[in-house]
Amino acid sequence: MDQFFRYVLTALISTVAASQFIQVITRYVFETPIMGLEETALIPTIWLYIMGSVNASREDTQIRANVLEIFLSTENARAVLQTISEIISIGISIWLTWWAWLYFSYSLKVWKGTPTLYIPTFIYESALFLGLLMMTAFTIWNLIRHLQFLFGFRPHLNNKINSIPTTSVELQLESEMQKDKKS
């Protein structure tokens, strides 16, 4: 799964960067812009944003305000807080996914096209629905992992793929865990 997201995101960002580079060169150096390049660049750009969000959900590295975690001293308390957070996130994600589905099904009915090249817009309008669907699934997966820890089926709460301590509390916990492993 890591390699899939690595390759997809690399391909998308390379495509976006290349199309922007081509547009800048043709517009400002050759003074002849390529008509429709913005339309074609829109597709990988939107998919890049959405797939980046899906990857953050998969890694459980979405931006959060973890103010309460600073005051919690036990791993169980942090797990309860994260479980509540995941439940709220799932509720919001399901609601947004439903709205994205309605928008996507509308775009399929209308079958709009882009103004210059007449590319069907559902190609990039589907990104929001599919992305939110995957984000909801990964959030449910993270909730299951937190519940497994709370019920004793998992030894550690930390389920982040690339866990890098960033706060002083996380650094302290990381050093304590390293000491425990050595003992």
N, C-alpha and C. Protein backbone atom coordinates (compact mmCIF):
# COMPACT_ATOMS: atom_id res chain seq x y z
N MET A 1 0.83 -1.19 0.00
CA MET A 1 0.00 0.00 0.00
C MET A 1 0.87 1.25 0.00
N ASP A 2 1.98 1.21 0.76
CA ASP A 2 2.90 2.35 0.78
C ASP A 2 3.42 2.66 -0.61
N GLN A 3 3.85 1.62 -1.32
CA GLN A 3 4.41 1.85 -2.65
C GLN A 3 3.36 2.34 -3.62
N PHE A 4 2.14 1.84 -3.51
CA PHE A 4 1.07 2.30 -4.38
C PHE A 4 0.90 3.81 -4.25
N PHE A 5 0.74 4.29 -3.00
CA PHE A 5 0.55 5.72 -2.79
C PHE A 5 1.80 6.51 -3.18
N ARG A 6 2.96 5.96 -2.91
CA ARG A 6 4.20 6.64 -3.29
C ARG A 6 4.26 6.85 -4.80
N TYR A 7 3.97 5.80 -5.56
CA TYR A 7 4.04 5.91 -7.03
C TYR A 7 2.93 6.79 -7.59
N VAL A 8 1.72 6.63 -7.08
CA VAL A 8 0.60 7.43 -7.58
C VAL A 8 0.83 8.91 -7.30
N LEU A 9 1.20 9.23 -6.07
CA LEU A 9 1.43 10.64 -5.72
C LEU A 9 2.62 11.22 -6.48
N THR A 10 3.66 10.43 -6.68
CA THR A 10 4.81 10.90 -7.45
C THR A 10 4.43 11.15 -8.90
N ALA A 11 3.65 10.25 -9.48
CA ALA A 11 3.21 10.43 -10.87
C ALA A 11 2.32 11.67 -10.99
N LEU A 12 1.42 11.86 -10.04
CA LEU A 12 0.53 13.01 -10.11
C LEU A 12 1.28 14.32 -9.95
N ILE A 13 2.17 14.40 -8.98
CA ILE A 13 2.89 15.65 -8.77
C ILE A 13 3.85 15.94 -9.92
N SER A 14 4.42 14.90 -10.51
CA SER A 14 5.29 15.08 -11.67
C SER A 14 4.49 15.59 -12.87
N THR A 15 3.30 15.06 -13.06
CA THR A 15 2.44 15.49 -14.15
C THR A 15 2.03 16.95 -13.98
N VAL A 16 1.65 17.32 -12.77
CA VAL A 16 1.26 18.70 -12.50
C VAL A 16 2.44 19.64 -12.72
N ALA A 17 3.60 19.27 -12.19
CA ALA A 17 4.79 20.12 -12.35
C ALA A 17 5.19 20.24 -13.82
N ALA A 18 5.14 19.14 -14.55
CA ALA A 18 5.51 19.18 -15.97
C ALA A 18 4.54 20.05 -16.77
N SER A 19 3.24 19.93 -16.49
CA SER A 19 2.28 20.74 -17.24
C SER A 19 2.44 22.22 -16.92
N GLN A 20 2.74 22.55 -15.67
CA GLN A 20 2.96 23.95 -15.32
C GLN A 20 4.24 24.47 -15.98
N PHE A 21 5.28 23.65 -16.01
CA PHE A 21 6.53 24.03 -16.65
C PHE A 21 6.32 24.28 -18.14
N ILE A 22 5.60 23.39 -18.79
CA ILE A 22 5.32 23.55 -20.22
C ILE A 22 4.51 24.82 -20.47
N GLN A 23 3.53 25.06 -19.60
CA GLN A 23 2.70 26.25 -19.77
C GLN A 23 3.52 27.52 -19.61
N VAL A 24 4.40 27.57 -18.63
CA VAL A 24 5.24 28.75 -18.42
C VAL A 24 6.18 28.96 -19.61
N ILE A 25 6.81 27.91 -20.06
CA ILE A 25 7.75 28.02 -21.19
C ILE A 25 7.03 28.48 -22.46
N THR A 26 5.91 27.83 -22.77
CA THR A 26 5.22 28.20 -24.01
C THR A 26 4.60 29.59 -23.93
N ARG A 27 4.13 29.98 -22.77
CA ARG A 27 3.47 31.29 -22.65
C ARG A 27 4.47 32.43 -22.60
N TYR A 28 5.53 32.30 -21.80
CA TYR A 28 6.42 33.43 -21.59
C TYR A 28 7.67 33.40 -22.46
N VAL A 29 8.11 32.25 -22.88
CA VAL A 29 9.28 32.19 -23.74
C VAL A 29 8.87 32.25 -25.21
N PHE A 30 7.94 31.37 -25.59
CA PHE A 30 7.51 31.32 -26.99
C PHE A 30 6.31 32.21 -27.29
N GLU A 31 5.71 32.77 -26.23
CA GLU A 31 4.56 33.67 -26.33
C GLU A 31 3.38 33.06 -27.11
N THR A 32 3.22 31.76 -27.01
CA THR A 32 2.08 31.06 -27.60
C THR A 32 1.58 30.01 -26.60
N PRO A 33 0.60 30.38 -25.79
CA PRO A 33 0.11 29.41 -24.80
C PRO A 33 -0.59 28.23 -25.47
N ILE A 34 -0.52 27.10 -24.83
CA ILE A 34 -1.19 25.90 -25.32
C ILE A 34 -2.63 25.93 -24.82
N MET A 35 -3.56 26.00 -25.74
CA MET A 35 -4.97 26.06 -25.37
C MET A 35 -5.40 24.71 -24.77
N GLY A 36 -6.07 24.77 -23.66
CA GLY A 36 -6.60 23.56 -23.04
C GLY A 36 -5.66 22.89 -22.05
N LEU A 37 -4.44 23.42 -21.92
CA LEU A 37 -3.50 22.79 -20.98
C LEU A 37 -3.98 22.95 -19.54
N GLU A 38 -4.61 24.08 -19.24
CA GLU A 38 -5.13 24.27 -17.88
C GLU A 38 -6.21 23.24 -17.57
N GLU A 39 -7.03 22.94 -18.59
CA GLU A 39 -8.09 21.95 -18.39
C GLU A 39 -7.52 20.56 -18.12
N THR A 40 -6.50 20.20 -18.87
CA THR A 40 -5.92 18.87 -18.67
C THR A 40 -5.10 18.82 -17.38
N ALA A 41 -4.52 19.95 -16.99
CA ALA A 41 -3.74 19.98 -15.74
C ALA A 41 -4.64 19.93 -14.52
N LEU A 42 -5.89 20.33 -14.69
CA LEU A 42 -6.83 20.32 -13.56
C LEU A 42 -7.09 18.91 -13.06
N ILE A 43 -7.12 17.95 -13.96
CA ILE A 43 -7.44 16.56 -13.57
C ILE A 43 -6.38 16.00 -12.61
N PRO A 44 -5.08 15.98 -12.96
CA PRO A 44 -4.13 15.45 -11.99
C PRO A 44 -3.97 16.32 -10.75
N THR A 45 -4.24 17.62 -10.87
CA THR A 45 -4.13 18.50 -9.70
C THR A 45 -5.17 18.13 -8.65
N ILE A 46 -6.41 17.99 -9.07
CA ILE A 46 -7.47 17.64 -8.11
C ILE A 46 -7.23 16.25 -7.54
N TRP A 47 -6.86 15.30 -8.39
CA TRP A 47 -6.57 13.96 -7.89
C TRP A 47 -5.39 13.97 -6.93
N LEU A 48 -4.39 14.84 -7.17
CA LEU A 48 -3.24 14.94 -6.27
C LEU A 48 -3.68 15.41 -4.89
N TYR A 49 -4.50 16.45 -4.84
CA TYR A 49 -4.98 16.95 -3.55
C TYR A 49 -5.77 15.88 -2.80
N ILE A 50 -6.67 15.24 -3.51
CA ILE A 50 -7.53 14.25 -2.86
C ILE A 50 -6.72 13.02 -2.42
N MET A 51 -5.86 12.52 -3.29
CA MET A 51 -5.06 11.34 -2.93
C MET A 51 -4.06 11.66 -1.81
N GLY A 52 -3.58 12.89 -1.74
CA GLY A 52 -2.74 13.30 -0.62
C GLY A 52 -3.50 13.25 0.69
N SER A 53 -4.76 13.67 0.65
CA SER A 53 -5.60 13.59 1.85
C SER A 53 -5.90 12.15 2.23
N VAL A 54 -6.14 11.32 1.22
CA VAL A 54 -6.37 9.90 1.49
C VAL A 54 -5.13 9.28 2.12
N ASN A 55 -3.97 9.63 1.61
CA ASN A 55 -2.72 9.09 2.17
C ASN A 55 -2.53 9.55 3.61
N ALA A 56 -2.86 10.79 3.91
CA ALA A 56 -2.76 11.27 5.29
C ALA A 56 -3.73 10.52 6.20
N SER A 57 -4.91 10.21 5.71
CA SER A 57 -5.86 9.40 6.50
C SER A 57 -5.34 7.99 6.70
N ARG A 58 -4.73 7.45 5.65
CA ARG A 58 -4.19 6.09 5.75
C ARG A 58 -3.07 6.03 6.79
N GLU A 59 -2.22 7.04 6.77
CA GLU A 59 -1.11 7.08 7.73
C GLU A 59 -1.52 7.60 9.10
N ASP A 60 -2.75 8.09 9.21
CA ASP A 60 -3.26 8.72 10.43
C ASP A 60 -2.40 9.92 10.81
N THR A 61 -2.09 10.74 9.81
CA THR A 61 -1.26 11.93 10.03
C THR A 61 -1.98 13.20 9.62
N GLN A 62 -3.31 13.19 9.65
CA GLN A 62 -4.05 14.41 9.35
C GLN A 62 -3.70 15.45 10.41
N ILE A 63 -3.79 16.71 10.05
CA ILE A 63 -3.50 17.80 10.98
C ILE A 63 -4.57 17.82 12.05
N ARG A 64 -4.13 17.85 13.30
CA ARG A 64 -5.05 17.86 14.44
C ARG A 64 -4.55 18.85 15.48
N ALA A 65 -5.46 19.33 16.28
CA ALA A 65 -5.11 20.16 17.42
C ALA A 65 -5.09 19.25 18.65
N ASN A 66 -3.95 18.69 18.96
CA ASN A 66 -3.82 17.71 20.04
C ASN A 66 -3.52 18.38 21.38
N VAL A 67 -4.27 19.40 21.71
CA VAL A 67 -4.04 20.13 22.94
C VAL A 67 -4.36 19.27 24.15
N LEU A 68 -5.45 18.53 24.11
CA LEU A 68 -5.85 17.72 25.25
C LEU A 68 -4.86 16.60 25.55
N GLU A 69 -4.20 16.08 24.52
CA GLU A 69 -3.25 14.98 24.72
C GLU A 69 -2.09 15.38 25.63
N ILE A 70 -1.76 16.65 25.66
CA ILE A 70 -0.66 17.13 26.49
C ILE A 70 -0.98 16.90 27.96
N PHE A 71 -2.26 17.03 28.32
CA PHE A 71 -2.66 16.91 29.71
C PHE A 71 -2.97 15.48 30.13
N LEU A 72 -2.98 14.56 29.19
CA LEU A 72 -3.28 13.16 29.51
C LEU A 72 -1.98 12.42 29.76
N SER A 73 -1.95 11.70 30.86
CA SER A 73 -0.69 11.05 31.25
C SER A 73 -0.61 9.58 30.85
N THR A 74 -1.74 8.94 30.64
CA THR A 74 -1.68 7.52 30.31
C THR A 74 -2.02 7.28 28.84
N GLU A 75 -1.54 6.16 28.36
CA GLU A 75 -1.81 5.79 26.98
C GLU A 75 -3.29 5.45 26.79
N ASN A 76 -3.92 4.88 27.82
CA ASN A 76 -5.36 4.57 27.73
C ASN A 76 -6.19 5.83 27.58
N ALA A 77 -5.83 6.86 28.33
CA ALA A 77 -6.57 8.12 28.23
C ALA A 77 -6.42 8.72 26.83
N ARG A 78 -5.23 8.65 26.28
CA ARG A 78 -5.02 9.14 24.91
C ARG A 78 -5.80 8.30 23.91
N ALA A 79 -5.87 7.00 24.14
CA ALA A 79 -6.63 6.12 23.25
C ALA A 79 -8.12 6.44 23.30
N VAL A 80 -8.64 6.73 24.47
CA VAL A 80 -10.05 7.10 24.59
C VAL A 80 -10.31 8.41 23.85
N LEU A 81 -9.41 9.39 24.01
CA LEU A 81 -9.55 10.66 23.31
C LEU A 81 -9.48 10.47 21.79
N GLN A 82 -8.56 9.66 21.33
CA GLN A 82 -8.45 9.42 19.89
C GLN A 82 -9.65 8.63 19.37
N THR A 83 -10.18 7.74 20.18
CA THR A 83 -11.38 6.99 19.78
C THR A 83 -12.56 7.92 19.61
N ILE A 84 -12.74 8.83 20.54
CA ILE A 84 -13.83 9.81 20.43
C ILE A 84 -13.62 10.68 19.19
N SER A 85 -12.39 11.08 18.97
CA SER A 85 -12.05 11.89 17.79
C SER A 85 -12.35 11.13 16.50
N GLU A 86 -12.01 9.85 16.45
CA GLU A 86 -12.27 9.05 15.25
C GLU A 86 -13.76 8.87 15.02
N ILE A 87 -14.53 8.69 16.08
CA ILE A 87 -15.99 8.53 15.94
C ILE A 87 -16.61 9.80 15.35
N ILE A 88 -16.19 10.95 15.87
CA ILE A 88 -16.69 12.22 15.33
C ILE A 88 -16.25 12.38 13.88
N SER A 89 -15.01 12.03 13.59
CA SER A 89 -14.50 12.13 12.21
C SER A 89 -15.26 11.22 11.27
N ILE A 90 -15.61 10.03 11.72
CA ILE A 90 -16.38 9.11 10.87
C ILE A 90 -17.76 9.69 10.57
N GLY A 91 -18.40 10.25 11.58
CA GLY A 91 -19.71 10.86 11.36
C GLY A 91 -19.65 11.98 10.33
N ILE A 92 -18.67 12.85 10.46
CA ILE A 92 -18.52 13.95 9.51
C ILE A 92 -18.14 13.42 8.13
N SER A 93 -17.26 12.42 8.09
CA SER A 93 -16.84 11.85 6.80
C SER A 93 -18.00 11.19 6.07
N ILE A 94 -18.84 10.47 6.80
CA ILE A 94 -20.00 9.84 6.16
C ILE A 94 -20.94 10.90 5.59
N TRP A 95 -21.16 11.95 6.35
CA TRP A 95 -22.02 13.04 5.89
C TRP A 95 -21.44 13.70 4.63
N LEU A 96 -20.15 14.01 4.64
CA LEU A 96 -19.52 14.62 3.46
C LEU A 96 -19.47 13.66 2.28
N THR A 97 -19.26 12.38 2.54
CA THR A 97 -19.25 11.39 1.46
C THR A 97 -20.63 11.30 0.82
N TRP A 98 -21.68 11.38 1.61
CA TRP A 98 -23.03 11.37 1.06
C TRP A 98 -23.24 12.56 0.12
N TRP A 99 -22.82 13.75 0.57
CA TRP A 99 -22.96 14.94 -0.27
C TRP A 99 -22.10 14.83 -1.52
N ALA A 100 -20.92 14.27 -1.39
CA ALA A 100 -20.06 14.09 -2.57
C ALA A 100 -20.68 13.09 -3.53
N TRP A 101 -21.35 12.06 -3.01
CA TRP A 101 -22.04 11.10 -3.87
C TRP A 101 -23.16 11.79 -4.66
N LEU A 102 -23.93 12.63 -3.97
CA LEU A 102 -25.01 13.35 -4.65
C LEU A 102 -24.45 14.24 -5.76
N TYR A 103 -23.36 14.91 -5.48
CA TYR A 103 -22.73 15.77 -6.49
C TYR A 103 -22.19 14.94 -7.65
N PHE A 104 -21.55 13.82 -7.34
CA PHE A 104 -21.00 12.96 -8.39
C PHE A 104 -22.10 12.36 -9.25
N SER A 105 -23.18 11.89 -8.63
CA SER A 105 -24.28 11.31 -9.41
C SER A 105 -24.95 12.39 -10.28
N TYR A 106 -25.02 13.62 -9.77
CA TYR A 106 -25.54 14.73 -10.58
C TYR A 106 -24.63 14.98 -11.78
N SER A 107 -23.32 14.96 -11.56
CA SER A 107 -22.40 15.22 -12.68
C SER A 107 -22.46 14.11 -13.72
N LEU A 108 -22.78 12.89 -13.30
CA LEU A 108 -22.96 11.80 -14.27
C LEU A 108 -24.23 12.00 -15.10
N LYS A 109 -25.29 12.49 -14.44
CA LYS A 109 -26.54 12.73 -15.16
C LYS A 109 -26.39 13.87 -16.18
N VAL A 110 -25.75 14.94 -15.76
CA VAL A 110 -25.63 16.13 -16.60
C VAL A 110 -24.59 15.91 -17.71
N TRP A 111 -23.55 15.18 -17.39
CA TRP A 111 -22.46 14.85 -18.33
C TRP A 111 -21.88 16.12 -18.95
N LYS A 112 -21.37 16.99 -18.06
CA LYS A 112 -20.76 18.23 -18.52
C LYS A 112 -19.40 17.96 -19.15
N GLY A 113 -18.95 18.92 -19.92
CA GLY A 113 -17.62 18.84 -20.51
C GLY A 113 -16.88 20.14 -20.25
N THR A 114 -15.56 20.09 -20.32
CA THR A 114 -14.77 21.30 -20.14
C THR A 114 -14.97 22.21 -21.35
N PRO A 115 -14.76 23.52 -21.19
CA PRO A 115 -15.09 24.46 -22.26
C PRO A 115 -14.28 24.31 -23.55
N THR A 116 -13.00 24.00 -23.47
CA THR A 116 -12.17 23.98 -24.66
C THR A 116 -12.06 22.59 -25.28
N LEU A 117 -11.72 21.60 -24.47
CA LEU A 117 -11.46 20.26 -25.00
C LEU A 117 -12.63 19.29 -24.83
N TYR A 118 -13.69 19.73 -24.15
CA TYR A 118 -14.87 18.91 -23.91
C TYR A 118 -14.55 17.60 -23.18
N ILE A 119 -13.59 17.66 -22.26
CA ILE A 119 -13.27 16.51 -21.42
C ILE A 119 -14.41 16.35 -20.41
N PRO A 120 -14.95 15.15 -20.25
CA PRO A 120 -16.03 14.97 -19.26
C PRO A 120 -15.55 15.34 -17.86
N THR A 121 -16.30 16.22 -17.21
CA THR A 121 -15.86 16.72 -15.90
C THR A 121 -16.00 15.69 -14.79
N PHE A 122 -16.76 14.62 -15.04
CA PHE A 122 -16.90 13.62 -13.98
C PHE A 122 -15.56 12.94 -13.66
N ILE A 123 -14.60 13.05 -14.57
CA ILE A 123 -13.28 12.45 -14.34
C ILE A 123 -12.63 13.04 -13.10
N TYR A 124 -12.73 14.35 -12.95
CA TYR A 124 -12.16 14.93 -11.73
C TYR A 124 -13.20 15.19 -10.66
N GLU A 125 -14.48 15.24 -11.02
CA GLU A 125 -15.51 15.39 -10.00
C GLU A 125 -15.69 14.10 -9.19
N SER A 126 -15.30 12.97 -9.76
CA SER A 126 -15.38 11.71 -9.03
C SER A 126 -14.31 11.61 -7.95
N ALA A 127 -13.27 12.42 -8.07
CA ALA A 127 -12.17 12.35 -7.10
C ALA A 127 -12.64 12.65 -5.69
N LEU A 128 -13.52 13.63 -5.55
CA LEU A 128 -14.00 13.99 -4.22
C LEU A 128 -14.77 12.85 -3.58
N PHE A 129 -15.68 12.25 -4.33
CA PHE A 129 -16.47 11.14 -3.78
C PHE A 129 -15.58 9.94 -3.44
N LEU A 130 -14.74 9.52 -4.39
CA LEU A 130 -13.88 8.36 -4.15
C LEU A 130 -12.88 8.63 -3.03
N GLY A 131 -12.34 9.84 -3.00
CA GLY A 131 -11.39 10.19 -1.94
C GLY A 131 -12.04 10.18 -0.56
N LEU A 132 -13.21 10.80 -0.45
CA LEU A 132 -13.91 10.79 0.84
C LEU A 132 -14.32 9.39 1.26
N LEU A 133 -14.68 8.56 0.29
CA LEU A 133 -15.02 7.17 0.59
C LEU A 133 -13.80 6.44 1.17
N MET A 134 -12.64 6.63 0.55
CA MET A 134 -11.42 5.99 1.05
C MET A 134 -11.00 6.58 2.40
N MET A 135 -11.14 7.90 2.57
CA MET A 135 -10.79 8.51 3.86
C MET A 135 -11.68 7.99 4.97
N THR A 136 -12.96 7.81 4.68
CA THR A 136 -13.88 7.25 5.68
C THR A 136 -13.46 5.83 6.04
N ALA A 137 -13.10 5.04 5.03
CA ALA A 137 -12.67 3.66 5.29
C ALA A 137 -11.41 3.63 6.15
N PHE A 138 -10.44 4.49 5.85
CA PHE A 138 -9.22 4.51 6.65
C PHE A 138 -9.47 5.04 8.06
N THR A 139 -10.40 5.96 8.21
CA THR A 139 -10.74 6.45 9.54
C THR A 139 -11.41 5.35 10.35
N ILE A 140 -12.26 4.56 9.71
CA ILE A 140 -12.86 3.41 10.40
C ILE A 140 -11.77 2.42 10.80
N TRP A 141 -10.80 2.20 9.91
CA TRP A 141 -9.69 1.31 10.23
C TRP A 141 -8.90 1.83 11.43
N ASN A 142 -8.65 3.14 11.48
CA ASN A 142 -7.93 3.72 12.62
C ASN A 142 -8.75 3.58 13.90
N LEU A 143 -10.07 3.73 13.81
CA LEU A 143 -10.92 3.54 14.98
C LEU A 143 -10.82 2.10 15.48
N ILE A 144 -10.83 1.16 14.57
CA ILE A 144 -10.70 -0.25 14.96
C ILE A 144 -9.38 -0.48 15.68
N ARG A 145 -8.31 0.12 15.19
CA ARG A 145 -7.00 -0.05 15.82
C ARG A 145 -6.99 0.56 17.24
N HIS A 146 -7.64 1.72 17.41
CA HIS A 146 -7.72 2.32 18.75
C HIS A 146 -8.54 1.44 19.68
N LEU A 147 -9.64 0.90 19.18
CA LEU A 147 -10.47 0.02 20.00
C LEU A 147 -9.73 -1.27 20.35
N GLN A 148 -8.94 -1.79 19.41
CA GLN A 148 -8.13 -2.98 19.71
C GLN A 148 -7.16 -2.70 20.85
N PHE A 149 -6.57 -1.52 20.87
CA PHE A 149 -5.67 -1.17 21.98
C PHE A 149 -6.46 -1.07 23.28
N LEU A 150 -7.60 -0.40 23.23
CA LEU A 150 -8.38 -0.21 24.46
C LEU A 150 -8.86 -1.53 25.05
N PHE A 151 -9.17 -2.50 24.20
CA PHE A 151 -9.66 -3.79 24.68
C PHE A 151 -8.54 -4.81 24.87
N GLY A 152 -7.28 -4.39 24.73
CA GLY A 152 -6.15 -5.25 25.02
C GLY A 152 -5.69 -6.17 23.91
N PHE A 153 -6.16 -5.98 22.71
CA PHE A 153 -5.74 -6.82 21.59
C PHE A 153 -4.53 -6.28 20.85
N ARG A 154 -4.08 -5.10 21.25
CA ARG A 154 -2.96 -4.43 20.58
C ARG A 154 -2.02 -3.89 21.66
N PRO A 155 -0.72 -4.14 21.55
CA PRO A 155 0.18 -3.73 22.62
C PRO A 155 0.47 -2.24 22.68
N HIS A 156 0.44 -1.53 21.54
CA HIS A 156 0.79 -0.11 21.52
C HIS A 156 -0.30 0.69 20.83
N LEU A 157 -0.48 1.91 21.29
CA LEU A 157 -1.47 2.81 20.72
C LEU A 157 -0.99 3.39 19.40
N ASN A 158 0.28 3.65 19.29
CA ASN A 158 0.82 4.35 18.13
C ASN A 158 0.63 3.52 16.87
N ASN A 159 -0.19 4.03 15.94
CA ASN A 159 -0.41 3.32 14.69
C ASN A 159 0.03 4.13 13.49
N LYS A 160 0.77 5.21 13.72
CA LYS A 160 1.24 6.02 12.62
C LYS A 160 2.36 5.29 11.90
N ILE A 161 2.33 5.37 10.59
CA ILE A 161 3.33 4.68 9.79
C ILE A 161 4.69 5.34 9.96
N ASN A 162 4.73 6.63 9.84
CA ASN A 162 5.99 7.37 9.99
C ASN A 162 5.88 8.22 11.25
N SER A 163 6.05 7.60 12.39
CA SER A 163 5.87 8.31 13.64
C SER A 163 7.14 9.06 13.99
N ILE A 164 7.08 10.36 13.90
CA ILE A 164 8.20 11.21 14.27
C ILE A 164 7.72 12.09 15.40
N PRO A 165 8.33 11.98 16.59
CA PRO A 165 7.88 12.82 17.70
C PRO A 165 8.13 14.30 17.40
N THR A 166 7.11 15.13 17.67
CA THR A 166 7.23 16.55 17.36
C THR A 166 7.08 17.45 18.58
N THR A 167 6.40 17.00 19.61
CA THR A 167 6.24 17.82 20.80
C THR A 167 7.15 17.28 21.90
N SER A 168 7.33 18.08 22.93
CA SER A 168 8.18 17.65 24.03
C SER A 168 7.60 16.42 24.72
N VAL A 169 6.28 16.34 24.80
CA VAL A 169 5.64 15.18 25.42
C VAL A 169 5.92 13.93 24.57
N GLU A 170 5.79 14.07 23.24
CA GLU A 170 6.06 12.93 22.37
C GLU A 170 7.52 12.51 22.44
N LEU A 171 8.43 13.48 22.52
CA LEU A 171 9.85 13.16 22.64
C LEU A 171 10.12 12.42 23.95
N GLN A 172 9.48 12.87 25.03
CA GLN A 172 9.65 12.22 26.32
C GLN A 172 9.10 10.80 26.28
N LEU A 173 7.93 10.62 25.69
CA LEU A 173 7.35 9.27 25.58
C LEU A 173 8.23 8.37 24.72
N GLU A 174 8.78 8.92 23.64
CA GLU A 174 9.65 8.14 22.76
C GLU A 174 10.90 7.69 23.52
N SER A 175 11.49 8.58 24.31
CA SER A 175 12.70 8.19 25.05
C SER A 175 12.36 7.15 26.13
N GLU A 176 11.19 7.26 26.77
CA GLU A 176 10.78 6.27 27.75
C GLU A 176 10.55 4.91 27.10
N MET A 177 9.97 4.92 25.91
CA MET A 177 9.74 3.66 25.21
C MET A 177 11.06 3.02 24.81
N GLN A 178 12.05 3.83 24.41
CA GLN A 178 13.35 3.30 24.05
C GLN A 178 14.04 2.68 25.28
N LYS A 179 13.89 3.33 26.46
CA LYS A 179 14.46 2.79 27.69
C LYS A 179 13.80 1.46 28.05
N ASP A 180 12.48 1.40 27.90
CA ASP A 180 11.76 0.15 28.20
C ASP A 180 12.18 -0.98 27.28
N LYS A 181 12.44 -0.67 26.01
CA LYS A 181 12.87 -1.71 25.06
C LYS A 181 14.25 -2.24 25.43
N LYS A 182 15.12 -1.38 25.93
CA LYS A 182 16.47 -1.79 26.30
C LYS A 182 16.49 -2.64 27.55
N SER A 183 15.50 -2.44 28.43
CA SER A 183 15.47 -3.20 29.69
C SER A 183 15.01 -4.60 29.52
